[in-house]
């Protein structure tokens, strides 16, 4: 059965996906705060930089530019950046190297948490590492399973869907 593509995603989907990202960022910052406030601040600036790059380089050429995509970024991008060339998006090549910064959002807190655990074992840090691991890998996979199958850009061509093998 063919899934219906959204022209505009429901607000509940935007809230769910945004809550996931924000939770990962905040838990990661909290873990890294254990190493010093500078690590938490640098981490949050790194996360902000990734988000701005996505808004500027990806969202401006996406079908959902100016619309409510599953992540709320299509509309947000239109407030800050000019519309790009829609033909650019499906032709953009995405490699595992290109998504490395997204993995670093999870790997930095993991590394920081492991350092903290070696320095002084703490159950709450261990629990937070496990939570950020589950949210980063399982949570993101779950969100993508809900959102990508109803995405109009996937139909038009999405390099991320091709990279992750979700282009049906």
Protein backbone atom coordinates (compact mmCIF):
# COMPACT_ATOMS: atom_id res chain seq x y z
CA UNK A 1 0.00 0.00 0.00
CA UNK A 2 1.39 3.40 -1.02
CA UNK A 3 1.79 5.89 1.83
CA UNK A 4 0.23 9.32 1.43
CA UNK A 5 2.80 12.10 1.24
CA UNK A 6 2.29 15.14 3.40
CA UNK A 7 2.23 18.61 1.91
CA UNK A 8 2.53 19.84 5.47
CA UNK A 9 3.35 17.54 8.36
CA UNK A 10 1.14 17.56 11.45
CA UNK A 11 2.39 19.62 14.38
CA UNK A 12 2.62 16.52 16.58
CA UNK A 13 5.29 15.10 14.22
CA UNK A 14 7.32 18.33 14.37
CA UNK A 15 7.09 18.37 18.16
CA UNK A 16 8.12 14.72 18.42
CA UNK A 17 11.11 15.04 16.08
CA UNK A 18 12.24 18.37 17.55
CA UNK A 19 11.91 17.05 21.10
CA UNK A 20 14.17 14.15 20.19
CA UNK A 21 16.91 16.42 18.81
CA UNK A 22 16.69 18.87 21.68
CA UNK A 23 16.80 16.01 24.21
CA UNK A 24 19.94 14.58 22.62
CA UNK A 25 21.62 18.00 22.60
CA UNK A 26 20.72 18.77 26.22
CA UNK A 27 21.70 15.36 27.57
CA UNK A 28 24.94 15.52 25.60
CA UNK A 29 25.69 18.98 26.98
CA UNK A 30 24.93 17.82 30.51
CA UNK A 31 27.30 14.88 30.19
CA UNK A 32 30.05 17.10 28.77
CA UNK A 33 29.43 19.68 31.49
CA UNK A 34 31.00 17.13 33.82
CA UNK A 35 34.30 17.79 32.03
CA UNK A 36 33.86 21.55 32.32
CA UNK A 37 31.46 24.20 31.13
CA UNK A 38 33.61 24.96 28.09
CA UNK A 39 33.03 21.44 26.76
CA UNK A 40 29.26 21.80 27.14
CA UNK A 41 29.29 25.23 25.45
CA UNK A 42 31.49 24.03 22.58
CA UNK A 43 29.24 21.01 22.11
CA UNK A 44 26.10 23.15 21.96
CA UNK A 45 27.80 25.50 19.48
CA UNK A 46 28.75 22.47 17.39
CA UNK A 47 25.11 21.28 17.43
CA UNK A 48 23.91 24.76 16.51
CA UNK A 49 26.42 24.85 13.65
CA UNK A 50 25.11 21.55 12.28
CA UNK A 51 21.55 22.83 12.43
CA UNK A 52 22.44 26.11 10.68
CA UNK A 53 24.33 24.24 7.95
CA UNK A 54 21.33 22.00 7.38
CA UNK A 55 18.96 24.95 7.22
CA UNK A 56 21.25 26.84 4.84
CA UNK A 57 22.49 24.07 2.55
CA UNK A 58 19.81 21.40 2.65
CA UNK A 59 16.49 22.89 3.59
CA UNK A 60 16.69 25.78 1.12
CA UNK A 61 16.59 23.33 -1.80
CA UNK A 62 14.08 20.91 -0.29
CA UNK A 63 10.48 20.51 -1.40
CA UNK A 64 9.40 21.54 2.09
CA UNK A 65 11.18 24.92 2.03
CA UNK A 66 8.67 27.37 3.51
CA UNK A 67 6.40 24.48 4.50
CA UNK A 68 6.08 22.39 7.63
CA UNK A 69 8.31 19.40 7.14
CA UNK A 70 8.49 16.62 9.70
CA UNK A 71 11.28 18.46 11.51
CA UNK A 72 9.92 22.02 11.25
CA UNK A 73 13.07 23.09 9.46
CA UNK A 74 11.58 23.86 6.05
CA UNK A 75 9.55 26.70 7.47
CA UNK A 76 12.37 27.80 9.79
CA UNK A 77 14.85 27.86 6.91
CA UNK A 78 12.61 30.21 4.93
CA UNK A 79 12.79 32.79 7.73
CA UNK A 80 16.58 33.03 7.52
CA UNK A 81 17.70 31.95 4.05
CA UNK A 82 16.67 32.49 0.43
CA UNK A 83 15.14 29.62 -1.48
CA UNK A 84 17.70 27.50 -3.26
CA UNK A 85 17.48 25.49 -6.45
CA UNK A 86 15.08 22.54 -5.96
CA UNK A 87 16.93 20.53 -8.62
CA UNK A 88 20.02 20.65 -6.39
CA UNK A 89 18.50 18.56 -3.59
CA UNK A 90 17.90 15.25 -5.39
CA UNK A 91 21.26 15.50 -7.19
CA UNK A 92 23.27 16.19 -4.04
CA UNK A 93 25.56 13.32 -3.14
CA UNK A 94 25.52 12.30 0.50
CA UNK A 95 28.20 9.97 1.78
CA UNK A 96 28.90 8.47 5.17
CA UNK A 97 31.65 11.07 5.49
CA UNK A 98 29.07 13.83 5.02
CA UNK A 99 26.91 12.53 7.87
CA UNK A 100 29.89 12.20 10.24
CA UNK A 101 29.02 15.48 12.04
CA UNK A 102 25.59 14.04 12.83
CA UNK A 103 27.25 11.01 14.43
CA UNK A 104 29.62 13.28 16.36
CA UNK A 105 26.57 14.78 18.10
CA UNK A 106 26.28 11.41 19.81
CA UNK A 107 29.96 10.42 19.88
CA UNK A 108 31.20 13.52 21.75
CA UNK A 109 28.96 12.89 24.79
CA UNK A 110 29.77 9.18 24.60
CA UNK A 111 33.51 9.88 24.71
CA UNK A 112 33.09 12.53 27.41
CA UNK A 113 30.92 10.21 29.47
CA UNK A 114 33.42 7.37 29.22
CA UNK A 115 36.19 9.73 30.37
CA UNK A 116 34.03 10.77 33.32
CA UNK A 117 33.30 7.14 34.20
CA UNK A 118 37.00 6.29 34.21
CA UNK A 119 37.74 9.31 36.36
CA UNK A 120 34.97 8.54 38.85
CA UNK A 121 32.22 6.01 38.21
CA UNK A 122 28.75 7.51 38.44
CA UNK A 123 25.52 5.60 37.75
CA UNK A 124 23.68 8.71 36.55
CA UNK A 125 26.36 9.42 33.91
CA UNK A 126 26.23 5.80 32.78
CA UNK A 127 22.43 6.02 32.54
CA UNK A 128 22.64 9.26 30.55
CA UNK A 129 25.17 7.70 28.16
CA UNK A 130 22.77 4.80 27.60
CA UNK A 131 19.84 7.20 27.09
CA UNK A 132 21.71 9.39 24.60
CA UNK A 133 22.82 6.22 22.78
CA UNK A 134 19.26 4.91 22.54
CA UNK A 135 17.84 8.29 21.51
CA UNK A 136 20.57 8.95 18.94
CA UNK A 137 20.41 5.60 17.21
CA UNK A 138 17.06 4.05 18.04
CA UNK A 139 15.10 7.29 18.46
CA UNK A 140 16.34 8.77 15.20
CA UNK A 141 15.68 5.50 13.37
CA UNK A 142 12.15 5.44 14.79
CA UNK A 143 11.48 9.07 13.80
CA UNK A 144 12.79 8.45 10.29
CA UNK A 145 10.60 5.35 9.98
CA UNK A 146 7.57 7.55 10.73
CA UNK A 147 8.54 10.56 8.63
CA UNK A 148 10.44 9.41 5.56
CA UNK A 149 7.75 7.15 4.16
CA UNK A 150 5.35 10.13 3.93
CA UNK A 151 7.87 12.63 2.59
CA UNK A 152 7.26 14.24 -0.77
CA UNK A 153 10.99 14.97 -1.19
CA UNK A 154 11.70 11.23 -0.96
CA UNK A 155 9.51 10.74 -4.01
CA UNK A 156 11.30 13.54 -5.85
CA UNK A 157 14.72 12.28 -4.86
CA UNK A 158 16.43 12.24 -1.51
CA UNK A 159 20.12 11.42 -1.23
CA UNK A 160 19.75 10.53 2.47
CA UNK A 161 17.04 7.99 1.64
CA UNK A 162 19.35 6.48 -0.96
CA UNK A 163 22.30 6.41 1.46
CA UNK A 164 20.32 4.68 4.17
CA UNK A 165 18.53 2.37 1.72
CA UNK A 166 15.06 3.73 2.38
CA UNK A 167 14.21 4.80 -1.15
CA UNK A 168 11.41 2.38 -2.05
